[in-house]
Amino acid sequence: MAEVVVMPLQVTLHNSALFNMDSDPTGGFRKLSHLLQSPPFPPQTFCNILMLYCKPQHAFYDLAADVMADNADLVATNLSKVCLTAQAMSVLSAVAPHVSCDKSELA
């Protein structure tokens, strides 16, 4: 896999989004979304936005599901198996709590 060259501005924007997420979540999500739409971006961006969408204080499970569905290529290349399983279980438990799912079914 080729190494992605990320410019310092993208790293700064990514870090700023994470650093200010508690005080300005709307701005943080906007910055992370902008980065995803404007490659190259830090590789952690994709997993970070999904984890933040699934935090109980934000509870944007539907957005996390949409982002994963719209970016299958990033799911395959930027998420570890553990992160993918955790994200899928978070989304599934929120959008379809009546569905019983064994963790091994997602792995």
C-alpha atoms as a PDB file:
ATOM      1  CA  MET A   1       0.000   0.000   0.000  1.00  0.00           C
ATOM      2  CA  ALA A   2       1.372   3.423  -0.972  1.00  0.00           C
ATOM      3  CA  GLU A   3       2.028   5.929   1.771  1.00  0.00           C
ATOM      4  CA  VAL A   4      -0.279   8.938   1.729  1.00  0.00           C
ATOM      5  CA  VAL A   5       1.404  12.330   1.943  1.00  0.00           C
ATOM      6  CA  VAL A   6      -0.673  14.581   4.192  1.00  0.00           C
ATOM      7  CA  MET A   7      -0.007  18.291   4.304  1.00  0.00           C
ATOM      8  CA  PRO A   8       0.534  20.019   7.674  1.00  0.00           C
ATOM      9  CA  LEU A   9      -2.671  22.053   7.189  1.00  0.00           C
ATOM     10  CA  GLN A  10      -4.767  18.852   7.076  1.00  0.00           C
ATOM     11  CA  VAL A  11      -3.086  17.542  10.230  1.00  0.00           C
ATOM     12  CA  THR A  12      -3.713  20.863  11.980  1.00  0.00           C
ATOM     13  CA  LEU A  13      -7.362  20.883  10.905  1.00  0.00           C
ATOM     14  CA  HIS A  14      -7.782  17.274  12.096  1.00  0.00           C
ATOM     15  CA  ASN A  15      -6.162  17.986  15.454  1.00  0.00           C
ATOM     16  CA  SER A  16      -8.153  21.198  15.893  1.00  0.00           C
ATOM     17  CA  ALA A  17     -11.397  19.308  15.265  1.00  0.00           C
ATOM     18  CA  LEU A  18     -10.527  16.726  17.914  1.00  0.00           C
ATOM     19  CA  PHE A  19      -9.169  19.223  20.423  1.00  0.00           C
ATOM     20  CA  ASN A  20     -12.280  21.431  20.283  1.00  0.00           C
ATOM     21  CA  MET A  21     -14.885  18.662  20.017  1.00  0.00           C
ATOM     22  CA  ASP A  22     -16.152  19.149  23.595  1.00  0.00           C
ATOM     23  CA  SER A  23     -16.662  22.896  23.195  1.00  0.00           C
ATOM     24  CA  ASP A  24     -17.699  22.977  19.520  1.00  0.00           C
ATOM     25  CA  PRO A  25     -18.886  19.588  18.260  1.00  0.00           C
ATOM     26  CA  THR A  26     -20.623  21.082  15.228  1.00  0.00           C
ATOM     27  CA  GLY A  27     -17.409  22.758  14.133  1.00  0.00           C
ATOM     28  CA  GLY A  28     -15.421  19.597  14.823  1.00  0.00           C
ATOM     29  CA  PHE A  29     -17.739  17.432  12.729  1.00  0.00           C
ATOM     30  CA  ARG A  30     -17.675  20.025   9.955  1.00  0.00           C
ATOM     31  CA  LYS A  31     -13.855  20.000   9.903  1.00  0.00           C
ATOM     32  CA  LEU A  32     -13.625  16.209   9.909  1.00  0.00           C
ATOM     33  CA  SER A  33     -16.264  15.942   7.170  1.00  0.00           C
ATOM     34  CA  HIS A  34     -14.387  18.524   5.104  1.00  0.00           C
ATOM     35  CA  LEU A  35     -11.203  16.490   5.437  1.00  0.00           C
ATOM     36  CA  LEU A  36     -12.953  13.298   4.281  1.00  0.00           C
ATOM     37  CA  GLN A  37     -14.254  15.121   1.225  1.00  0.00           C
ATOM     38  CA  SER A  38     -10.839  16.648   0.424  1.00  0.00           C
ATOM     39  CA  PRO A  39      -8.129  13.973   0.275  1.00  0.00           C
ATOM     40  CA  PRO A  40      -5.444  13.480   1.236  1.00  0.00           C
ATOM     41  CA  PHE A  41      -6.367  13.507   4.915  1.00  0.00           C
ATOM     42  CA  PRO A  42      -4.773  11.976   8.010  1.00  0.00           C
ATOM     43  CA  PRO A  43      -5.612   8.241   8.001  1.00  0.00           C
ATOM     44  CA  GLN A  44      -7.108   8.470  11.502  1.00  0.00           C
ATOM     45  CA  THR A  45      -9.778  10.911  10.301  1.00  0.00           C
ATOM     46  CA  PHE A  46     -12.202   8.247   9.110  1.00  0.00           C
ATOM     47  CA  CYS A  47     -12.123   6.157  12.279  1.00  0.00           C
ATOM     48  CA  ASN A  48     -12.223   9.278  14.474  1.00  0.00           C
ATOM     49  CA  ILE A  49     -15.342  10.720  12.856  1.00  0.00           C
ATOM     50  CA  LEU A  50     -17.102   7.357  13.155  1.00  0.00           C
ATOM     51  CA  MET A  51     -16.156   6.980  16.818  1.00  0.00           C
ATOM     52  CA  LEU A  52     -17.296  10.521  17.568  1.00  0.00           C
ATOM     53  CA  TYR A  53     -20.606  10.008  15.759  1.00  0.00           C
ATOM     54  CA  CYS A  54     -21.180   6.917  17.939  1.00  0.00           C
ATOM     55  CA  LYS A  55     -20.339   8.572  21.260  1.00  0.00           C
ATOM     56  CA  PRO A  56     -23.483   8.539  23.412  1.00  0.00           C
ATOM     57  CA  GLN A  57     -23.303  12.314  23.926  1.00  0.00           C
ATOM     58  CA  HIS A  58     -23.587  12.834  20.156  1.00  0.00           C
ATOM     59  CA  ALA A  59     -25.550   9.696  19.184  1.00  0.00           C
ATOM     60  CA  PHE A  60     -25.343  10.273  15.426  1.00  0.00           C
ATOM     61  CA  TYR A  61     -25.563   6.574  14.659  1.00  0.00           C
ATOM     62  CA  ASP A  62     -27.483   7.163  11.449  1.00  0.00           C
ATOM     63  CA  LEU A  63     -24.739   9.487  10.192  1.00  0.00           C
ATOM     64  CA  ALA A  64     -22.084   6.919  11.081  1.00  0.00           C
ATOM     65  CA  ALA A  65     -23.997   4.286   9.119  1.00  0.00           C
ATOM     66  CA  ASP A  66     -24.344   6.645   6.152  1.00  0.00           C
ATOM     67  CA  VAL A  67     -20.641   7.555   6.189  1.00  0.00           C
ATOM     68  CA  MET A  68     -19.670   3.878   6.304  1.00  0.00           C
ATOM     69  CA  ALA A  69     -22.085   2.994   3.484  1.00  0.00           C
ATOM     70  CA  ASP A  70     -20.947   5.922   1.320  1.00  0.00           C
ATOM     71  CA  ASN A  71     -17.244   5.184   1.842  1.00  0.00           C
ATOM     72  CA  ALA A  72     -16.830   1.434   1.442  1.00  0.00           C
ATOM     73  CA  ASP A  73     -13.323   1.994   0.109  1.00  0.00           C
ATOM     74  CA  LEU A  74     -12.323   3.833   3.298  1.00  0.00           C
ATOM     75  CA  VAL A  75     -13.938   1.150   5.446  1.00  0.00           C
ATOM     76  CA  ALA A  76     -11.771  -1.441   3.704  1.00  0.00           C
ATOM     77  CA  THR A  77      -8.531   0.551   3.842  1.00  0.00           C
ATOM     78  CA  ASN A  78      -8.752   2.750   6.963  1.00  0.00           C
ATOM     79  CA  LEU A  79     -10.504   0.669   9.616  1.00  0.00           C
ATOM     80  CA  SER A  80      -8.897  -2.111  11.565  1.00  0.00           C
ATOM     81  CA  LYS A  81     -11.017  -5.200  12.105  1.00  0.00           C
ATOM     82  CA  VAL A  82     -11.527  -4.214  15.758  1.00  0.00           C
ATOM     83  CA  CYS A  83     -12.600  -0.667  14.862  1.00  0.00           C
ATOM     84  CA  LEU A  84     -14.899  -1.925  12.124  1.00  0.00           C
ATOM     85  CA  THR A  85     -16.558  -4.425  14.460  1.00  0.00           C
ATOM     86  CA  ALA A  86     -17.003  -1.806  17.193  1.00  0.00           C
ATOM     87  CA  GLN A  87     -18.482   0.724  14.764  1.00  0.00           C
ATOM     88  CA  ALA A  88     -20.817  -1.802  13.178  1.00  0.00           C
ATOM     89  CA  MET A  89     -22.031  -3.003  16.586  1.00  0.00           C
ATOM     90  CA  SER A  90     -22.584   0.565  17.820  1.00  0.00           C
ATOM     91  CA  VAL A  91     -24.582   1.501  14.741  1.00  0.00           C
ATOM     92  CA  LEU A  92     -26.560  -1.741  14.727  1.00  0.00           C
ATOM     93  CA  SER A  93     -27.441  -1.562  18.416  1.00  0.00           C
ATOM     94  CA  ALA A  94     -28.681   2.008  17.985  1.00  0.00           C
ATOM     95  CA  VAL A  95     -30.605   1.742  14.721  1.00  0.00           C
ATOM     96  CA  ALA A  96     -31.920  -1.798  15.184  1.00  0.00           C
ATOM     97  CA  PRO A  97     -31.886  -2.661  18.895  1.00  0.00           C
ATOM     98  CA  HIS A  98     -34.345  -5.502  18.311  1.00  0.00           C
ATOM     99  CA  VAL A  99     -31.775  -7.329  16.167  1.00  0.00           C
ATOM    100  CA  SER A 100     -29.690  -9.733  18.172  1.00  0.00           C
ATOM    101  CA  CYS A 101     -26.202  -9.902  16.751  1.00  0.00           C
ATOM    102  CA  ASP A 102     -23.277 -12.059  17.759  1.00  0.00           C
ATOM    103  CA  LYS A 103     -19.957 -10.204  17.506  1.00  0.00           C
ATOM    104  CA  SER A 104     -18.533 -13.033  15.440  1.00  0.00           C
ATOM    105  CA  GLU A 105     -21.144 -12.409  12.736  1.00  0.00           C
ATOM    106  CA  LEU A 106     -19.572  -9.010  12.047  1.00  0.00           C
ATOM    107  CA  ALA A 107     -15.953 -10.121  12.044  1.00  0.00           C
END
